[in-house]
mmCIF file of all heavy atoms, coordinates in Angstrom:
data_MODEL
# 
_entry.id   MODEL 
# 
loop_
_atom_site.group_PDB 
_atom_site.id 
_atom_site.type_symbol 
_atom_site.label_atom_id 
_atom_site.label_alt_id 
_atom_site.label_comp_id 
_atom_site.label_asym_id 
_atom_site.label_entity_id 
_atom_site.label_seq_id 
_atom_site.pdbx_PDB_ins_code 
_atom_site.Cartn_x 
_atom_site.Cartn_y 
_atom_site.Cartn_z 
_atom_site.occupancy 
_atom_site.B_iso_or_equiv 
_atom_site.pdbx_formal_charge 
_atom_site.auth_seq_id 
_atom_site.auth_comp_id 
_atom_site.auth_asym_id 
_atom_site.auth_atom_id 
_atom_site.pdbx_PDB_model_num 
ATOM 1   N N   . TRP A 1 1  ? -10.071 -2.526  -18.453 1.00 0.00 ? 1  TRP A N   1 
ATOM 2   C CA  . TRP A 1 1  ? -11.066 -2.958  -19.518 1.00 0.00 ? 1  TRP A CA  1 
ATOM 3   C C   . TRP A 1 1  ? -12.428 -2.418  -19.372 1.00 0.00 ? 1  TRP A C   1 
ATOM 4   O O   . TRP A 1 1  ? -12.916 -2.142  -18.170 1.00 0.00 ? 1  TRP A O   1 
ATOM 5   C CB  . TRP A 1 1  ? -11.267 -4.521  -19.382 1.00 0.00 ? 1  TRP A CB  1 
ATOM 6   C CG  . TRP A 1 1  ? -9.970  -5.278  -19.652 1.00 0.00 ? 1  TRP A CG  1 
ATOM 7   C CD1 . TRP A 1 1  ? -8.975  -5.582  -18.798 1.00 0.00 ? 1  TRP A CD1 1 
ATOM 8   C CD2 . TRP A 1 1  ? -9.593  -5.695  -20.944 1.00 0.00 ? 1  TRP A CD2 1 
ATOM 9   N NE1 . TRP A 1 1  ? -7.879  -6.267  -19.520 1.00 0.00 ? 1  TRP A NE1 1 
ATOM 10  C CE2 . TRP A 1 1  ? -8.345  -6.376  -20.798 1.00 0.00 ? 1  TRP A CE2 1 
ATOM 11  C CE3 . TRP A 1 1  ? -10.196 -5.671  -22.225 1.00 0.00 ? 1  TRP A CE3 1 
ATOM 12  C CZ2 . TRP A 1 1  ? -7.614  -6.914  -21.910 1.00 0.00 ? 1  TRP A CZ2 1 
ATOM 13  C CZ3 . TRP A 1 1  ? -9.557  -6.258  -23.243 1.00 0.00 ? 1  TRP A CZ3 1 
ATOM 14  C CH2 . TRP A 1 1  ? -8.268  -6.931  -23.149 1.00 0.00 ? 1  TRP A CH2 1 
ATOM 15  N N   . TYR A 1 2  ? -13.069 -2.068  -20.392 1.00 0.00 ? 2  TYR A N   1 
ATOM 16  C CA  . TYR A 1 2  ? -14.394 -1.571  -20.440 1.00 0.00 ? 2  TYR A CA  1 
ATOM 17  C C   . TYR A 1 2  ? -15.201 -2.321  -21.407 1.00 0.00 ? 2  TYR A C   1 
ATOM 18  O O   . TYR A 1 2  ? -14.653 -2.952  -22.377 1.00 0.00 ? 2  TYR A O   1 
ATOM 19  C CB  . TYR A 1 2  ? -14.382 -0.059  -20.943 1.00 0.00 ? 2  TYR A CB  1 
ATOM 20  C CG  . TYR A 1 2  ? -13.508 0.852   -19.975 1.00 0.00 ? 2  TYR A CG  1 
ATOM 21  C CD1 . TYR A 1 2  ? -12.151 0.707   -19.949 1.00 0.00 ? 2  TYR A CD1 1 
ATOM 22  C CD2 . TYR A 1 2  ? -14.151 1.729   -19.109 1.00 0.00 ? 2  TYR A CD2 1 
ATOM 23  C CE1 . TYR A 1 2  ? -11.428 1.558   -19.074 1.00 0.00 ? 2  TYR A CE1 1 
ATOM 24  C CE2 . TYR A 1 2  ? -13.466 2.531   -18.202 1.00 0.00 ? 2  TYR A CE2 1 
ATOM 25  C CZ  . TYR A 1 2  ? -11.991 2.454   -18.189 1.00 0.00 ? 2  TYR A CZ  1 
ATOM 26  O OH  . TYR A 1 2  ? -11.383 3.228   -17.272 1.00 0.00 ? 2  TYR A OH  1 
ATOM 27  N N   . ARG A 1 3  ? -16.469 -2.237  -21.397 1.00 0.00 ? 3  ARG A N   1 
ATOM 28  C CA  . ARG A 1 3  ? -17.278 -2.981  -22.238 1.00 0.00 ? 3  ARG A CA  1 
ATOM 29  C C   . ARG A 1 3  ? -18.548 -2.273  -22.753 1.00 0.00 ? 3  ARG A C   1 
ATOM 30  O O   . ARG A 1 3  ? -19.058 -1.381  -21.984 1.00 0.00 ? 3  ARG A O   1 
ATOM 31  C CB  . ARG A 1 3  ? -17.655 -4.338  -21.757 1.00 0.00 ? 3  ARG A CB  1 
ATOM 32  C CG  . ARG A 1 3  ? -18.778 -4.283  -20.608 1.00 0.00 ? 3  ARG A CG  1 
ATOM 33  C CD  . ARG A 1 3  ? -19.166 -5.685  -20.046 1.00 0.00 ? 3  ARG A CD  1 
ATOM 34  N NE  . ARG A 1 3  ? -19.920 -5.594  -18.941 1.00 0.00 ? 3  ARG A NE  1 
ATOM 35  C CZ  . ARG A 1 3  ? -20.153 -6.734  -18.226 1.00 0.00 ? 3  ARG A CZ  1 
ATOM 36  N NH1 . ARG A 1 3  ? -19.502 -7.835  -18.320 1.00 0.00 ? 3  ARG A NH1 1 
ATOM 37  N NH2 . ARG A 1 3  ? -21.011 -6.646  -17.137 1.00 0.00 ? 3  ARG A NH2 1 
ATOM 38  N N   . GLN A 1 4  ? -18.908 -2.406  -24.006 1.00 0.00 ? 4  GLN A N   1 
ATOM 39  C CA  . GLN A 1 4  ? -20.087 -1.752  -24.538 1.00 0.00 ? 4  GLN A CA  1 
ATOM 40  C C   . GLN A 1 4  ? -21.139 -2.918  -24.721 1.00 0.00 ? 4  GLN A C   1 
ATOM 41  O O   . GLN A 1 4  ? -20.852 -3.798  -25.572 1.00 0.00 ? 4  GLN A O   1 
ATOM 42  C CB  . GLN A 1 4  ? -19.773 -1.112  -25.891 1.00 0.00 ? 4  GLN A CB  1 
ATOM 43  C CG  . GLN A 1 4  ? -20.872 -0.158  -26.349 1.00 0.00 ? 4  GLN A CG  1 
ATOM 44  C CD  . GLN A 1 4  ? -20.447 1.309   -26.064 1.00 0.00 ? 4  GLN A CD  1 
ATOM 45  O OE1 . GLN A 1 4  ? -19.392 1.686   -26.399 1.00 0.00 ? 4  GLN A OE1 1 
ATOM 46  N NE2 . GLN A 1 4  ? -21.406 1.945   -25.513 1.00 0.00 ? 4  GLN A NE2 1 
ATOM 47  N N   . VAL A 1 5  ? -22.218 -2.839  -23.858 1.00 0.00 ? 5  VAL A N   1 
ATOM 48  C CA  . VAL A 1 5  ? -23.193 -3.982  -24.135 1.00 0.00 ? 5  VAL A CA  1 
ATOM 49  C C   . VAL A 1 5  ? -24.319 -3.395  -24.865 1.00 0.00 ? 5  VAL A C   1 
ATOM 50  O O   . VAL A 1 5  ? -24.586 -2.198  -24.994 1.00 0.00 ? 5  VAL A O   1 
ATOM 51  C CB  . VAL A 1 5  ? -23.639 -4.425  -22.728 1.00 0.00 ? 5  VAL A CB  1 
ATOM 52  C CG1 . VAL A 1 5  ? -22.493 -5.025  -21.906 1.00 0.00 ? 5  VAL A CG1 1 
ATOM 53  C CG2 . VAL A 1 5  ? -24.292 -3.336  -21.954 1.00 0.00 ? 5  VAL A CG2 1 
ATOM 54  N N   . PRO A 1 6  ? -25.135 -4.227  -25.532 1.00 0.00 ? 6  PRO A N   1 
ATOM 55  C CA  . PRO A 1 6  ? -26.244 -3.808  -26.317 1.00 0.00 ? 6  PRO A CA  1 
ATOM 56  C C   . PRO A 1 6  ? -27.251 -2.969  -25.597 1.00 0.00 ? 6  PRO A C   1 
ATOM 57  O O   . PRO A 1 6  ? -27.684 -3.310  -24.457 1.00 0.00 ? 6  PRO A O   1 
ATOM 58  C CB  . PRO A 1 6  ? -26.875 -5.060  -26.795 1.00 0.00 ? 6  PRO A CB  1 
ATOM 59  C CG  . PRO A 1 6  ? -25.802 -6.090  -26.771 1.00 0.00 ? 6  PRO A CG  1 
ATOM 60  C CD  . PRO A 1 6  ? -25.021 -5.783  -25.576 1.00 0.00 ? 6  PRO A CD  1 
ATOM 61  N N   . GLY A 1 7  ? -27.431 -1.698  -26.151 1.00 0.00 ? 7  GLY A N   1 
ATOM 62  C CA  . GLY A 1 7  ? -28.425 -0.803  -25.597 1.00 0.00 ? 7  GLY A CA  1 
ATOM 63  C C   . GLY A 1 7  ? -28.041 -0.041  -24.330 1.00 0.00 ? 7  GLY A C   1 
ATOM 64  O O   . GLY A 1 7  ? -28.848 0.677   -23.705 1.00 0.00 ? 7  GLY A O   1 
ATOM 65  N N   . LYS A 1 8  ? -26.676 -0.058  -24.062 1.00 0.00 ? 8  LYS A N   1 
ATOM 66  C CA  . LYS A 1 8  ? -26.178 0.553   -22.878 1.00 0.00 ? 8  LYS A CA  1 
ATOM 67  C C   . LYS A 1 8  ? -24.893 1.251   -23.219 1.00 0.00 ? 8  LYS A C   1 
ATOM 68  O O   . LYS A 1 8  ? -24.137 0.962   -24.092 1.00 0.00 ? 8  LYS A O   1 
ATOM 69  C CB  . LYS A 1 8  ? -25.947 -0.446  -21.734 1.00 0.00 ? 8  LYS A CB  1 
ATOM 70  C CG  . LYS A 1 8  ? -27.207 -1.086  -21.193 1.00 0.00 ? 8  LYS A CG  1 
ATOM 71  C CD  . LYS A 1 8  ? -26.885 -1.967  -19.927 1.00 0.00 ? 8  LYS A CD  1 
ATOM 72  C CE  . LYS A 1 8  ? -28.089 -2.552  -19.383 1.00 0.00 ? 8  LYS A CE  1 
ATOM 73  N NZ  . LYS A 1 8  ? -27.872 -3.397  -18.235 1.00 0.00 ? 8  LYS A NZ  1 
ATOM 74  N N   . PRO A 1 9  ? -24.523 2.335   -22.480 1.00 0.00 ? 9  PRO A N   1 
ATOM 75  C CA  . PRO A 1 9  ? -23.299 2.968   -22.663 1.00 0.00 ? 9  PRO A CA  1 
ATOM 76  C C   . PRO A 1 9  ? -22.102 2.241   -22.173 1.00 0.00 ? 9  PRO A C   1 
ATOM 77  O O   . PRO A 1 9  ? -22.287 1.307   -21.408 1.00 0.00 ? 9  PRO A O   1 
ATOM 78  C CB  . PRO A 1 9  ? -23.455 4.334   -21.846 1.00 0.00 ? 9  PRO A CB  1 
ATOM 79  C CG  . PRO A 1 9  ? -24.412 3.982   -20.770 1.00 0.00 ? 9  PRO A CG  1 
ATOM 80  C CD  . PRO A 1 9  ? -25.405 3.033   -21.417 1.00 0.00 ? 9  PRO A CD  1 
ATOM 81  N N   . ARG A 1 10 ? -20.879 2.575   -22.637 1.00 0.00 ? 10 ARG A N   1 
ATOM 82  C CA  . ARG A 1 10 ? -19.764 1.904   -22.254 1.00 0.00 ? 10 ARG A CA  1 
ATOM 83  C C   . ARG A 1 10 ? -19.550 2.019   -20.803 1.00 0.00 ? 10 ARG A C   1 
ATOM 84  O O   . ARG A 1 10 ? -19.688 3.072   -20.181 1.00 0.00 ? 10 ARG A O   1 
ATOM 85  C CB  . ARG A 1 10 ? -18.598 2.478   -22.996 1.00 0.00 ? 10 ARG A CB  1 
ATOM 86  C CG  . ARG A 1 10 ? -17.297 1.636   -22.916 1.00 0.00 ? 10 ARG A CG  1 
ATOM 87  C CD  . ARG A 1 10 ? -16.133 2.226   -23.738 1.00 0.00 ? 10 ARG A CD  1 
ATOM 88  N NE  . ARG A 1 10 ? -16.486 2.153   -25.131 1.00 0.00 ? 10 ARG A NE  1 
ATOM 89  C CZ  . ARG A 1 10 ? -15.662 2.461   -26.105 1.00 0.00 ? 10 ARG A CZ  1 
ATOM 90  N NH1 . ARG A 1 10 ? -14.419 2.918   -25.799 1.00 0.00 ? 10 ARG A NH1 1 
ATOM 91  N NH2 . ARG A 1 10 ? -16.125 2.439   -27.384 1.00 0.00 ? 10 ARG A NH2 1 
ATOM 92  N N   . GLU A 1 11 ? -19.254 0.965   -20.107 1.00 0.00 ? 11 GLU A N   1 
ATOM 93  C CA  . GLU A 1 11 ? -19.001 0.911   -18.720 1.00 0.00 ? 11 GLU A CA  1 
ATOM 94  C C   . GLU A 1 11 ? -17.590 0.316   -18.276 1.00 0.00 ? 11 GLU A C   1 
ATOM 95  O O   . GLU A 1 11 ? -16.976 -0.560  -18.941 1.00 0.00 ? 11 GLU A O   1 
ATOM 96  C CB  . GLU A 1 11 ? -20.084 0.146   -17.973 1.00 0.00 ? 11 GLU A CB  1 
ATOM 97  C CG  . GLU A 1 11 ? -20.071 -1.410  -18.278 1.00 0.00 ? 11 GLU A CG  1 
ATOM 98  C CD  . GLU A 1 11 ? -20.955 -2.231  -17.455 1.00 0.00 ? 11 GLU A CD  1 
ATOM 99  O OE1 . GLU A 1 11 ? -21.545 -1.662  -16.492 1.00 0.00 ? 11 GLU A OE1 1 
ATOM 100 O OE2 . GLU A 1 11 ? -21.213 -3.350  -17.654 1.00 0.00 ? 11 GLU A OE2 1 
ATOM 101 N N   . MET A 1 12 ? -17.103 0.780   -17.140 1.00 0.00 ? 12 MET A N   1 
ATOM 102 C CA  . MET A 1 12 ? -15.835 0.204   -16.656 1.00 0.00 ? 12 MET A CA  1 
ATOM 103 C C   . MET A 1 12 ? -16.075 -1.270  -16.160 1.00 0.00 ? 12 MET A C   1 
ATOM 104 O O   . MET A 1 12 ? -17.012 -1.429  -15.444 1.00 0.00 ? 12 MET A O   1 
ATOM 105 C CB  . MET A 1 12 ? -15.323 1.056   -15.490 1.00 0.00 ? 12 MET A CB  1 
ATOM 106 C CG  . MET A 1 12 ? -13.979 0.715   -14.944 1.00 0.00 ? 12 MET A CG  1 
ATOM 107 S SD  . MET A 1 12 ? -14.017 -0.635  -13.773 1.00 0.00 ? 12 MET A SD  1 
ATOM 108 C CE  . MET A 1 12 ? -14.843 0.200   -12.344 1.00 0.00 ? 12 MET A CE  1 
ATOM 109 N N   . VAL A 1 13 ? -15.167 -2.165  -16.511 1.00 0.00 ? 13 VAL A N   1 
ATOM 110 C CA  . VAL A 1 13 ? -15.326 -3.514  -16.050 1.00 0.00 ? 13 VAL A CA  1 
ATOM 111 C C   . VAL A 1 13 ? -14.218 -3.838  -14.963 1.00 0.00 ? 13 VAL A C   1 
ATOM 112 O O   . VAL A 1 13 ? -14.597 -4.252  -13.925 1.00 0.00 ? 13 VAL A O   1 
ATOM 113 C CB  . VAL A 1 13 ? -15.118 -4.569  -17.212 1.00 0.00 ? 13 VAL A CB  1 
ATOM 114 C CG1 . VAL A 1 13 ? -15.052 -5.906  -16.725 1.00 0.00 ? 13 VAL A CG1 1 
ATOM 115 C CG2 . VAL A 1 13 ? -16.242 -4.344  -18.236 1.00 0.00 ? 13 VAL A CG2 1 
ATOM 116 N N   . ALA A 1 14 ? -13.040 -3.494  -15.252 1.00 0.00 ? 14 ALA A N   1 
ATOM 117 C CA  . ALA A 1 14 ? -11.965 -3.676  -14.282 1.00 0.00 ? 14 ALA A CA  1 
ATOM 118 C C   . ALA A 1 14 ? -10.745 -2.806  -14.689 1.00 0.00 ? 14 ALA A C   1 
ATOM 119 O O   . ALA A 1 14 ? -10.472 -2.702  -15.820 1.00 0.00 ? 14 ALA A O   1 
ATOM 120 C CB  . ALA A 1 14 ? -11.562 -5.198  -14.318 1.00 0.00 ? 14 ALA A CB  1 
ATOM 121 N N   . THR A 1 15 ? -10.040 -2.355  -13.673 1.00 0.00 ? 15 THR A N   1 
ATOM 122 C CA  . THR A 1 15 ? -8.938  -1.534  -13.835 1.00 0.00 ? 15 THR A CA  1 
ATOM 123 C C   . THR A 1 15 ? -7.805  -1.911  -12.877 1.00 0.00 ? 15 THR A C   1 
ATOM 124 O O   . THR A 1 15 ? -8.090  -2.493  -11.817 1.00 0.00 ? 15 THR A O   1 
ATOM 125 C CB  . THR A 1 15 ? -9.115  0.010   -13.671 1.00 0.00 ? 15 THR A CB  1 
ATOM 126 O OG1 . THR A 1 15 ? -9.552  0.256   -12.375 1.00 0.00 ? 15 THR A OG1 1 
ATOM 127 C CG2 . THR A 1 15 ? -10.046 0.475   -14.708 1.00 0.00 ? 15 THR A CG2 1 
ATOM 128 N N   . VAL A 1 16 ? -6.499  -1.711  -13.260 1.00 0.00 ? 16 VAL A N   1 
ATOM 129 C CA  . VAL A 1 16 ? -5.453  -1.954  -12.342 1.00 0.00 ? 16 VAL A CA  1 
ATOM 130 C C   . VAL A 1 16 ? -4.449  -0.731  -12.485 1.00 0.00 ? 16 VAL A C   1 
ATOM 131 O O   . VAL A 1 16 ? -4.167  -0.262  -13.457 1.00 0.00 ? 16 VAL A O   1 
ATOM 132 C CB  . VAL A 1 16 ? -4.695  -3.214  -12.740 1.00 0.00 ? 16 VAL A CB  1 
ATOM 133 C CG1 . VAL A 1 16 ? -4.190  -3.194  -14.166 1.00 0.00 ? 16 VAL A CG1 1 
ATOM 134 C CG2 . VAL A 1 16 ? -3.545  -3.573  -11.745 1.00 0.00 ? 16 VAL A CG2 1 
ATOM 135 N N   . SER A 1 17 ? -3.973  -0.289  -11.323 1.00 0.00 ? 17 SER A N   1 
ATOM 136 C CA  . SER A 1 17 ? -3.111  0.828   -11.199 1.00 0.00 ? 17 SER A CA  1 
ATOM 137 C C   . SER A 1 17 ? -1.696  0.486   -11.339 1.00 0.00 ? 17 SER A C   1 
ATOM 138 O O   . SER A 1 17 ? -1.300  -0.728  -11.498 1.00 0.00 ? 17 SER A O   1 
ATOM 139 C CB  . SER A 1 17 ? -3.267  1.571   -9.774  1.00 0.00 ? 17 SER A CB  1 
ATOM 140 O OG  . SER A 1 17 ? -2.661  0.862   -8.812  1.00 0.00 ? 17 SER A OG  1 
ATOM 141 N N   . SER A 1 18 ? -0.756  1.362   -11.474 1.00 0.00 ? 18 SER A N   1 
ATOM 142 C CA  . SER A 1 18 ? 0.631   1.143   -11.631 1.00 0.00 ? 18 SER A CA  1 
ATOM 143 C C   . SER A 1 18 ? 1.146   0.434   -10.372 1.00 0.00 ? 18 SER A C   1 
ATOM 144 O O   . SER A 1 18 ? 2.271   -0.280  -10.430 1.00 0.00 ? 18 SER A O   1 
ATOM 145 C CB  . SER A 1 18 ? 1.517   2.445   -11.775 1.00 0.00 ? 18 SER A CB  1 
ATOM 146 O OG  . SER A 1 18 ? 1.276   3.355   -10.694 1.00 0.00 ? 18 SER A OG  1 
ATOM 147 N N   . ARG A 1 19 ? 0.565   0.599   -9.195  1.00 0.00 ? 19 ARG A N   1 
ATOM 148 C CA  . ARG A 1 19 ? 0.936   -0.099  -8.050  1.00 0.00 ? 19 ARG A CA  1 
ATOM 149 C C   . ARG A 1 19 ? 0.276   -1.570  -7.896  1.00 0.00 ? 19 ARG A C   1 
ATOM 150 O O   . ARG A 1 19 ? 0.481   -2.204  -6.908  1.00 0.00 ? 19 ARG A O   1 
ATOM 151 C CB  . ARG A 1 19 ? 0.692   0.761   -6.770  1.00 0.00 ? 19 ARG A CB  1 
ATOM 152 C CG  . ARG A 1 19 ? 1.519   2.002   -6.748  1.00 0.00 ? 19 ARG A CG  1 
ATOM 153 C CD  . ARG A 1 19 ? 1.166   2.919   -5.494  1.00 0.00 ? 19 ARG A CD  1 
ATOM 154 N NE  . ARG A 1 19 ? 2.092   3.882   -5.333  1.00 0.00 ? 19 ARG A NE  1 
ATOM 155 C CZ  . ARG A 1 19 ? 3.213   3.893   -4.710  1.00 0.00 ? 19 ARG A CZ  1 
ATOM 156 N NH1 . ARG A 1 19 ? 3.526   2.833   -4.081  1.00 0.00 ? 19 ARG A NH1 1 
ATOM 157 N NH2 . ARG A 1 19 ? 3.904   4.948   -4.593  1.00 0.00 ? 19 ARG A NH2 1 
ATOM 158 N N   . GLY A 1 20 ? -0.629  -1.847  -8.802  1.00 0.00 ? 20 GLY A N   1 
ATOM 159 C CA  . GLY A 1 20 ? -1.201  -3.188  -8.668  1.00 0.00 ? 20 GLY A CA  1 
ATOM 160 C C   . GLY A 1 20 ? -2.654  -3.157  -8.019  1.00 0.00 ? 20 GLY A C   1 
ATOM 161 O O   . GLY A 1 20 ? -3.316  -4.195  -7.914  1.00 0.00 ? 20 GLY A O   1 
ATOM 162 N N   . SER A 1 21 ? -3.147  -1.982  -7.594  1.00 0.00 ? 21 SER A N   1 
ATOM 163 C CA  . SER A 1 21 ? -4.415  -1.932  -7.056  1.00 0.00 ? 21 SER A CA  1 
ATOM 164 C C   . SER A 1 21 ? -5.472  -2.121  -8.096  1.00 0.00 ? 21 SER A C   1 
ATOM 165 O O   . SER A 1 21 ? -5.310  -1.578  -9.179  1.00 0.00 ? 21 SER A O   1 
ATOM 166 C CB  . SER A 1 21 ? -4.619  -0.552  -6.364  1.00 0.00 ? 21 SER A CB  1 
ATOM 167 O OG  . SER A 1 21 ? -3.688  -0.403  -5.265  1.00 0.00 ? 21 SER A OG  1 
ATOM 168 N N   . THR A 1 22 ? -6.629  -2.900  -7.800  1.00 0.00 ? 22 THR A N   1 
ATOM 169 C CA  . THR A 1 22 ? -7.627  -3.181  -8.814  1.00 0.00 ? 22 THR A CA  1 
ATOM 170 C C   . THR A 1 22 ? -8.988  -2.613  -8.301  1.00 0.00 ? 22 THR A C   1 
ATOM 171 O O   . THR A 1 22 ? -9.189  -2.318  -7.184  1.00 0.00 ? 22 THR A O   1 
ATOM 172 C CB  . THR A 1 22 ? -7.772  -4.737  -8.965  1.00 0.00 ? 22 THR A CB  1 
ATOM 173 O OG1 . THR A 1 22 ? -8.052  -5.310  -7.646  1.00 0.00 ? 22 THR A OG1 1 
ATOM 174 C CG2 . THR A 1 22 ? -6.439  -5.230  -9.443  1.00 0.00 ? 22 THR A CG2 1 
ATOM 175 N N   . ASN A 1 23 ? -9.800  -2.418  -9.349  1.00 0.00 ? 23 ASN A N   1 
ATOM 176 C CA  . ASN A 1 23 ? -11.149 -1.960  -9.243  1.00 0.00 ? 23 ASN A CA  1 
ATOM 177 C C   . ASN A 1 23 ? -12.002 -2.728  -10.176 1.00 0.00 ? 23 ASN A C   1 
ATOM 178 O O   . ASN A 1 23 ? -11.681 -2.832  -11.338 1.00 0.00 ? 23 ASN A O   1 
ATOM 179 C CB  . ASN A 1 23 ? -11.205 -0.492  -9.499  1.00 0.00 ? 23 ASN A CB  1 
ATOM 180 C CG  . ASN A 1 23 ? -12.514 0.095   -9.053  1.00 0.00 ? 23 ASN A CG  1 
ATOM 181 O OD1 . ASN A 1 23 ? -13.239 -0.364  -8.148  1.00 0.00 ? 23 ASN A OD1 1 
ATOM 182 N ND2 . ASN A 1 23 ? -12.945 1.188   -9.832  1.00 0.00 ? 23 ASN A ND2 1 
ATOM 183 N N   . TYR A 1 24 ? -13.275 -3.172  -9.630  1.00 0.00 ? 24 TYR A N   1 
ATOM 184 C CA  . TYR A 1 24 ? -14.048 -4.045  -10.488 1.00 0.00 ? 24 TYR A CA  1 
ATOM 185 C C   . TYR A 1 24 ? -15.553 -3.417  -10.482 1.00 0.00 ? 24 TYR A C   1 
ATOM 186 O O   . TYR A 1 24 ? -15.950 -2.855  -9.343  1.00 0.00 ? 24 TYR A O   1 
ATOM 187 C CB  . TYR A 1 24 ? -14.140 -5.482  -10.037 1.00 0.00 ? 24 TYR A CB  1 
ATOM 188 C CG  . TYR A 1 24 ? -12.875 -6.190  -10.036 1.00 0.00 ? 24 TYR A CG  1 
ATOM 189 C CD1 . TYR A 1 24 ? -11.929 -6.229  -9.054  1.00 0.00 ? 24 TYR A CD1 1 
ATOM 190 C CD2 . TYR A 1 24 ? -12.507 -6.912  -11.354 1.00 0.00 ? 24 TYR A CD2 1 
ATOM 191 C CE1 . TYR A 1 24 ? -10.772 -6.953  -9.155  1.00 0.00 ? 24 TYR A CE1 1 
ATOM 192 C CE2 . TYR A 1 24 ? -11.318 -7.540  -11.405 1.00 0.00 ? 24 TYR A CE2 1 
ATOM 193 C CZ  . TYR A 1 24 ? -10.422 -7.560  -10.367 1.00 0.00 ? 24 TYR A CZ  1 
ATOM 194 O OH  . TYR A 1 24 ? -9.264  -8.229  -10.468 1.00 0.00 ? 24 TYR A OH  1 
ATOM 195 N N   . ALA A 1 25 ? -16.322 -3.617  -11.438 1.00 0.00 ? 25 ALA A N   1 
ATOM 196 C CA  . ALA A 1 25 ? -17.679 -3.361  -11.511 1.00 0.00 ? 25 ALA A CA  1 
ATOM 197 C C   . ALA A 1 25 ? -18.403 -4.434  -10.613 1.00 0.00 ? 25 ALA A C   1 
ATOM 198 O O   . ALA A 1 25 ? -17.908 -5.609  -10.567 1.00 0.00 ? 25 ALA A O   1 
ATOM 199 C CB  . ALA A 1 25 ? -18.233 -3.444  -12.988 1.00 0.00 ? 25 ALA A CB  1 
ATOM 200 N N   . GLU A 1 26 ? -19.451 -3.999  -9.926  1.00 0.00 ? 26 GLU A N   1 
ATOM 201 C CA  . GLU A 1 26 ? -20.140 -4.904  -9.023  1.00 0.00 ? 26 GLU A CA  1 
ATOM 202 C C   . GLU A 1 26 ? -20.603 -6.218  -9.742  1.00 0.00 ? 26 GLU A C   1 
ATOM 203 O O   . GLU A 1 26 ? -20.639 -7.298  -9.126  1.00 0.00 ? 26 GLU A O   1 
ATOM 204 C CB  . GLU A 1 26 ? -21.273 -4.162  -8.282  1.00 0.00 ? 26 GLU A CB  1 
ATOM 205 C CG  . GLU A 1 26 ? -20.802 -3.276  -7.205  1.00 0.00 ? 26 GLU A CG  1 
ATOM 206 C CD  . GLU A 1 26 ? -19.938 -3.911  -6.083  1.00 0.00 ? 26 GLU A CD  1 
ATOM 207 O OE1 . GLU A 1 26 ? -20.481 -5.059  -5.792  1.00 0.00 ? 26 GLU A OE1 1 
ATOM 208 O OE2 . GLU A 1 26 ? -19.051 -3.323  -5.712  1.00 0.00 ? 26 GLU A OE2 1 
ATOM 209 N N   . SER A 1 27 ? -20.974 -6.017  -11.008 1.00 0.00 ? 27 SER A N   1 
ATOM 210 C CA  . SER A 1 27 ? -21.529 -7.266  -11.760 1.00 0.00 ? 27 SER A CA  1 
ATOM 211 C C   . SER A 1 27 ? -20.517 -8.252  -12.097 1.00 0.00 ? 27 SER A C   1 
ATOM 212 O O   . SER A 1 27 ? -20.975 -9.436  -12.403 1.00 0.00 ? 27 SER A O   1 
ATOM 213 C CB  . SER A 1 27 ? -22.212 -6.690  -13.006 1.00 0.00 ? 27 SER A CB  1 
ATOM 214 O OG  . SER A 1 27 ? -21.222 -6.021  -13.857 1.00 0.00 ? 27 SER A OG  1 
ATOM 215 N N   . VAL A 1 28 ? -19.239 -7.945  -11.971 1.00 0.00 ? 28 VAL A N   1 
ATOM 216 C CA  . VAL A 1 28 ? -18.272 -8.930  -12.258 1.00 0.00 ? 28 VAL A CA  1 
ATOM 217 C C   . VAL A 1 28 ? -17.367 -9.303  -11.172 1.00 0.00 ? 28 VAL A C   1 
ATOM 218 O O   . VAL A 1 28 ? -16.492 -10.136 -11.248 1.00 0.00 ? 28 VAL A O   1 
ATOM 219 C CB  . VAL A 1 28 ? -17.347 -8.425  -13.570 1.00 0.00 ? 28 VAL A CB  1 
ATOM 220 C CG1 . VAL A 1 28 ? -18.170 -7.971  -14.654 1.00 0.00 ? 28 VAL A CG1 1 
ATOM 221 C CG2 . VAL A 1 28 ? -16.473 -7.350  -13.017 1.00 0.00 ? 28 VAL A CG2 1 
ATOM 222 N N   . LYS A 1 29 ? -17.523 -8.643  -10.017 1.00 0.00 ? 29 LYS A N   1 
ATOM 223 C CA  . LYS A 1 29 ? -16.705 -8.836  -8.789  1.00 0.00 ? 29 LYS A CA  1 
ATOM 224 C C   . LYS A 1 29 ? -16.780 -10.411 -8.415  1.00 0.00 ? 29 LYS A C   1 
ATOM 225 O O   . LYS A 1 29 ? -17.994 -10.908 -8.301  1.00 0.00 ? 29 LYS A O   1 
ATOM 226 C CB  . LYS A 1 29 ? -17.128 -7.920  -7.738  1.00 0.00 ? 29 LYS A CB  1 
ATOM 227 C CG  . LYS A 1 29 ? -15.982 -7.674  -6.726  1.00 0.00 ? 29 LYS A CG  1 
ATOM 228 C CD  . LYS A 1 29 ? -16.303 -6.396  -5.804  1.00 0.00 ? 29 LYS A CD  1 
ATOM 229 C CE  . LYS A 1 29 ? -15.152 -5.932  -5.154  1.00 0.00 ? 29 LYS A CE  1 
ATOM 230 N NZ  . LYS A 1 29 ? -15.485 -4.660  -4.295  1.00 0.00 ? 29 LYS A NZ  1 
ATOM 231 N N   . GLY A 1 30 ? -15.632 -11.097 -8.244  1.00 0.00 ? 30 GLY A N   1 
ATOM 232 C CA  . GLY A 1 30 ? -15.674 -12.370 -7.801  1.00 0.00 ? 30 GLY A CA  1 
ATOM 233 C C   . GLY A 1 30 ? -15.603 -13.415 -9.016  1.00 0.00 ? 30 GLY A C   1 
ATOM 234 O O   . GLY A 1 30 ? -15.353 -14.576 -8.823  1.00 0.00 ? 30 GLY A O   1 
ATOM 235 N N   . ARG A 1 31 ? -15.880 -12.860 -10.210 1.00 0.00 ? 31 ARG A N   1 
ATOM 236 C CA  . ARG A 1 31 ? -15.828 -13.676 -11.359 1.00 0.00 ? 31 ARG A CA  1 
ATOM 237 C C   . ARG A 1 31 ? -14.717 -13.312 -12.366 1.00 0.00 ? 31 ARG A C   1 
ATOM 238 O O   . ARG A 1 31 ? -14.172 -14.213 -12.980 1.00 0.00 ? 31 ARG A O   1 
ATOM 239 C CB  . ARG A 1 31 ? -17.164 -13.561 -12.245 1.00 0.00 ? 31 ARG A CB  1 
ATOM 240 C CG  . ARG A 1 31 ? -18.407 -14.110 -11.389 1.00 0.00 ? 31 ARG A CG  1 
ATOM 241 C CD  . ARG A 1 31 ? -19.680 -14.168 -12.317 1.00 0.00 ? 31 ARG A CD  1 
ATOM 242 N NE  . ARG A 1 31 ? -20.065 -12.862 -12.785 1.00 0.00 ? 31 ARG A NE  1 
ATOM 243 C CZ  . ARG A 1 31 ? -20.051 -12.550 -14.122 1.00 0.00 ? 31 ARG A CZ  1 
ATOM 244 N NH1 . ARG A 1 31 ? -19.698 -13.436 -15.105 1.00 0.00 ? 31 ARG A NH1 1 
ATOM 245 N NH2 . ARG A 1 31 ? -20.431 -11.315 -14.497 1.00 0.00 ? 31 ARG A NH2 1 
# 
């Protein structure tokens, strides 16, 4: 998932690999 916020470029929010490994933006980690 990626998001486009007002006045900013598109950024990565969260991804998951084929093996289930995840990656999160620091701003959403834990939420």
